[in-house]
Structures are given as C-alpha cells and as structure tokens.
Amino acid sequence: MKDFKAQKTAAPAKQGGLNPEIQSRIGHQLRAMYDDVVRQGVPDRFAELIRKLDAPGGSSSDFGDASKTEGRD
C-alpha cells in the first residue's frame, strides 16, 4: 500500500486541456446545436401537459389513463 501511494504522488502533474482555438470551435458548435433545438419549440402534447400541471389543483390524476391518449397526436 505504501508503494502505491508513493507512485501516485511521485508522478509529475501534467498540463492538460484543449487550446483556446479548439475550445472556441467546440463552443460555437455546441451553441449552434443548442439554438437549433430551442428553435424547434415544445411539442403541443408536452405544452398541454405542462399547462395541466401548472393549473391550480393540477395533478397527475388529471391526465387519466395514459393508454387512452396513446397514439393521438
């Protein structure tokens, strides 16, 4: 056990990470992908569920049996 600790702490620390140019490119690509997802909006079915949950007294019992609404879009 003592040898393991000695090996672990004896290794010099490496400077890692990506250079700023690569970080910037990744950031731009992630923003572009995220913006595309945001532009798609929320599907009507999800928006309706959210409205029901936000309504006063809203609960999961308001949704009834899920099998009744399955397949309807």
N, C-alpha and C. Protein backbone atom coordinates (compact mmCIF):
# COMPACT_ATOMS: atom_id res chain seq x y z
N MET A 1 0.82 -1.19 0.00
CA MET A 1 0.00 0.00 0.00
C MET A 1 0.86 1.25 0.00
N LYS A 2 1.95 1.20 0.75
CA LYS A 2 2.84 2.34 0.83
C LYS A 2 3.45 2.64 -0.54
N ASP A 3 3.83 1.60 -1.29
CA ASP A 3 4.41 1.78 -2.61
C ASP A 3 3.42 2.44 -3.57
N PHE A 4 2.15 2.07 -3.47
CA PHE A 4 1.12 2.64 -4.33
C PHE A 4 0.99 4.14 -4.12
N LYS A 5 0.97 4.56 -2.88
CA LYS A 5 0.88 5.98 -2.57
C LYS A 5 2.10 6.73 -3.09
N ALA A 6 3.26 6.14 -2.95
CA ALA A 6 4.49 6.78 -3.40
C ALA A 6 4.46 6.96 -4.91
N GLN A 7 3.98 5.96 -5.64
CA GLN A 7 3.90 6.07 -7.09
C GLN A 7 2.89 7.13 -7.50
N LYS A 8 1.79 7.18 -6.79
CA LYS A 8 0.72 8.10 -7.15
C LYS A 8 1.16 9.56 -6.96
N THR A 9 1.84 9.86 -5.89
CA THR A 9 2.24 11.24 -5.61
C THR A 9 3.55 11.60 -6.30
N ALA A 10 4.33 10.61 -6.74
CA ALA A 10 5.62 10.89 -7.34
C ALA A 10 5.48 11.35 -8.79
N ALA A 11 4.37 11.04 -9.46
CA ALA A 11 4.20 11.41 -10.86
C ALA A 11 4.05 12.92 -10.99
N PRO A 12 4.76 13.53 -11.93
CA PRO A 12 4.62 14.98 -12.11
C PRO A 12 3.25 15.33 -12.69
N ALA A 13 2.75 16.49 -12.31
CA ALA A 13 1.45 16.94 -12.80
C ALA A 13 1.58 17.38 -14.25
N LYS A 14 0.66 16.92 -15.08
CA LYS A 14 0.67 17.30 -16.49
C LYS A 14 -0.26 18.48 -16.70
N GLN A 15 0.10 19.33 -17.62
CA GLN A 15 -0.80 20.40 -18.03
C GLN A 15 -1.65 19.83 -19.17
N GLY A 16 -2.94 19.71 -18.95
CA GLY A 16 -3.80 19.14 -19.96
C GLY A 16 -4.80 20.16 -20.45
N GLY A 17 -5.74 19.68 -21.20
CA GLY A 17 -6.79 20.55 -21.69
C GLY A 17 -6.61 20.87 -23.16
N LEU A 18 -7.57 21.60 -23.66
CA LEU A 18 -7.59 21.96 -25.07
C LEU A 18 -7.12 23.40 -25.22
N ASN A 19 -6.51 23.67 -26.37
CA ASN A 19 -6.07 25.05 -26.59
C ASN A 19 -7.29 25.94 -26.83
N PRO A 20 -7.14 27.24 -26.66
CA PRO A 20 -8.27 28.17 -26.77
C PRO A 20 -9.00 28.11 -28.11
N GLU A 21 -8.28 27.86 -29.21
CA GLU A 21 -8.93 27.80 -30.52
C GLU A 21 -9.90 26.62 -30.59
N ILE A 22 -9.47 25.47 -30.10
CA ILE A 22 -10.33 24.29 -30.11
C ILE A 22 -11.52 24.50 -29.17
N GLN A 23 -11.29 25.07 -28.01
CA GLN A 23 -12.38 25.36 -27.09
C GLN A 23 -13.41 26.28 -27.74
N SER A 24 -12.93 27.28 -28.46
CA SER A 24 -13.82 28.23 -29.12
C SER A 24 -14.66 27.53 -30.19
N ARG A 25 -14.02 26.68 -30.99
CA ARG A 25 -14.75 25.96 -32.05
C ARG A 25 -15.81 25.04 -31.45
N ILE A 26 -15.45 24.33 -30.39
CA ILE A 26 -16.42 23.46 -29.72
C ILE A 26 -17.58 24.29 -29.18
N GLY A 27 -17.27 25.43 -28.57
CA GLY A 27 -18.31 26.31 -28.05
C GLY A 27 -19.27 26.77 -29.13
N HIS A 28 -18.73 27.18 -30.27
CA HIS A 28 -19.58 27.64 -31.38
C HIS A 28 -20.48 26.51 -31.88
N GLN A 29 -19.92 25.32 -32.01
CA GLN A 29 -20.71 24.18 -32.49
C GLN A 29 -21.80 23.81 -31.50
N LEU A 30 -21.48 23.81 -30.21
CA LEU A 30 -22.49 23.49 -29.20
C LEU A 30 -23.61 24.53 -29.19
N ARG A 31 -23.24 25.82 -29.31
CA ARG A 31 -24.27 26.87 -29.35
C ARG A 31 -25.17 26.71 -30.57
N ALA A 32 -24.59 26.38 -31.72
CA ALA A 32 -25.38 26.19 -32.94
C ALA A 32 -26.36 25.02 -32.77
N MET A 33 -25.89 23.93 -32.19
CA MET A 33 -26.78 22.77 -31.96
C MET A 33 -27.87 23.12 -30.96
N TYR A 34 -27.52 23.81 -29.89
CA TYR A 34 -28.49 24.16 -28.86
C TYR A 34 -29.52 25.13 -29.43
N ASP A 35 -29.08 26.11 -30.22
CA ASP A 35 -30.01 27.07 -30.82
C ASP A 35 -31.02 26.36 -31.71
N ASP A 36 -30.57 25.36 -32.45
CA ASP A 36 -31.46 24.59 -33.32
C ASP A 36 -32.53 23.88 -32.49
N VAL A 37 -32.14 23.30 -31.38
CA VAL A 37 -33.09 22.60 -30.50
C VAL A 37 -34.10 23.59 -29.92
N VAL A 38 -33.63 24.76 -29.51
CA VAL A 38 -34.50 25.77 -28.93
C VAL A 38 -35.51 26.26 -29.96
N ARG A 39 -35.08 26.44 -31.20
CA ARG A 39 -35.97 26.91 -32.26
C ARG A 39 -37.09 25.90 -32.56
N GLN A 40 -36.86 24.64 -32.30
CA GLN A 40 -37.88 23.62 -32.57
C GLN A 40 -39.09 23.80 -31.67
N GLY A 41 -38.91 24.40 -30.52
CA GLY A 41 -40.03 24.64 -29.62
C GLY A 41 -40.47 23.38 -28.88
N VAL A 42 -41.53 23.55 -28.13
CA VAL A 42 -42.08 22.46 -27.32
C VAL A 42 -43.26 21.84 -28.08
N PRO A 43 -43.27 20.53 -28.25
CA PRO A 43 -44.40 19.89 -28.93
C PRO A 43 -45.72 20.19 -28.20
N ASP A 44 -46.81 20.28 -28.96
CA ASP A 44 -48.12 20.63 -28.40
C ASP A 44 -48.51 19.70 -27.25
N ARG A 45 -48.21 18.43 -27.40
CA ARG A 45 -48.59 17.46 -26.36
C ARG A 45 -47.90 17.79 -25.03
N PHE A 46 -46.61 18.14 -25.09
CA PHE A 46 -45.88 18.50 -23.88
C PHE A 46 -46.39 19.81 -23.30
N ALA A 47 -46.67 20.77 -24.18
CA ALA A 47 -47.18 22.06 -23.71
C ALA A 47 -48.50 21.87 -22.98
N GLU A 48 -49.36 20.99 -23.49
CA GLU A 48 -50.64 20.72 -22.84
C GLU A 48 -50.43 20.09 -21.46
N LEU A 49 -49.51 19.16 -21.37
CA LEU A 49 -49.22 18.52 -20.08
C LEU A 49 -48.69 19.55 -19.08
N ILE A 50 -47.82 20.44 -19.55
CA ILE A 50 -47.27 21.47 -18.67
C ILE A 50 -48.37 22.40 -18.19
N ARG A 51 -49.28 22.80 -19.10
CA ARG A 51 -50.39 23.67 -18.70
C ARG A 51 -51.25 23.01 -17.63
N LYS A 52 -51.51 21.70 -17.79
CA LYS A 52 -52.32 20.99 -16.81
C LYS A 52 -51.62 20.92 -15.45
N LEU A 53 -50.31 20.71 -15.47
CA LEU A 53 -49.56 20.64 -14.22
C LEU A 53 -49.50 22.00 -13.54
N ASP A 54 -49.42 23.06 -14.34
CA ASP A 54 -49.33 24.42 -13.79
C ASP A 54 -50.68 24.94 -13.30
N ALA A 55 -51.78 24.33 -13.75
CA ALA A 55 -53.11 24.79 -13.36
C ALA A 55 -53.32 24.56 -11.87
N PRO A 56 -54.09 25.44 -11.22
CA PRO A 56 -54.38 25.24 -9.79
C PRO A 56 -55.01 23.86 -9.59
N GLY A 57 -54.49 23.13 -8.63
CA GLY A 57 -55.01 21.79 -8.35
C GLY A 57 -54.55 20.76 -9.36
N GLY A 58 -53.62 21.14 -10.22
CA GLY A 58 -53.13 20.20 -11.24
C GLY A 58 -52.40 19.04 -10.59
N SER A 59 -52.69 17.85 -11.04
CA SER A 59 -52.00 16.67 -10.53
C SER A 59 -51.96 15.62 -11.62
N SER A 60 -51.24 14.56 -11.36
CA SER A 60 -51.12 13.50 -12.36
C SER A 60 -52.45 12.81 -12.59
N SER A 61 -53.38 12.89 -11.65
CA SER A 61 -54.68 12.25 -11.83
C SER A 61 -55.50 12.97 -12.90
N ASP A 62 -55.15 14.21 -13.24
CA ASP A 62 -55.85 14.95 -14.29
C ASP A 62 -55.61 14.36 -15.66
N PHE A 63 -54.56 13.56 -15.79
CA PHE A 63 -54.20 13.02 -17.09
C PHE A 63 -54.91 11.72 -17.40
N GLY A 64 -55.54 11.12 -16.45
CA GLY A 64 -56.28 9.88 -16.68
C GLY A 64 -55.35 8.75 -17.07
N ASP A 65 -55.92 7.74 -17.71
CA ASP A 65 -55.18 6.57 -18.13
C ASP A 65 -54.36 6.91 -19.36
N ALA A 66 -53.06 6.71 -19.30
CA ALA A 66 -52.16 7.06 -20.40
C ALA A 66 -52.49 6.25 -21.66
N SER A 67 -53.02 5.06 -21.50
CA SER A 67 -53.31 4.22 -22.67
C SER A 67 -54.45 4.80 -23.50
N LYS A 68 -55.29 5.65 -22.90
CA LYS A 68 -56.40 6.26 -23.66
C LYS A 68 -55.89 7.31 -24.64
N THR A 69 -54.81 7.98 -24.28
CA THR A 69 -54.30 9.05 -25.14
C THR A 69 -53.16 8.60 -26.02
N GLU A 70 -52.68 7.37 -25.83
CA GLU A 70 -51.56 6.89 -26.61
C GLU A 70 -51.95 6.80 -28.07
N GLY A 71 -51.03 7.25 -28.93
CA GLY A 71 -51.28 7.17 -30.35
C GLY A 71 -51.95 8.40 -30.92
N ARG A 72 -52.50 9.28 -30.09
CA ARG A 72 -53.12 10.51 -30.58
C ARG A 72 -52.07 11.60 -30.62
N ASP A 73 -52.00 12.33 -31.71
CA ASP A 73 -51.07 13.46 -31.81
C ASP A 73 -51.80 14.69 -32.23
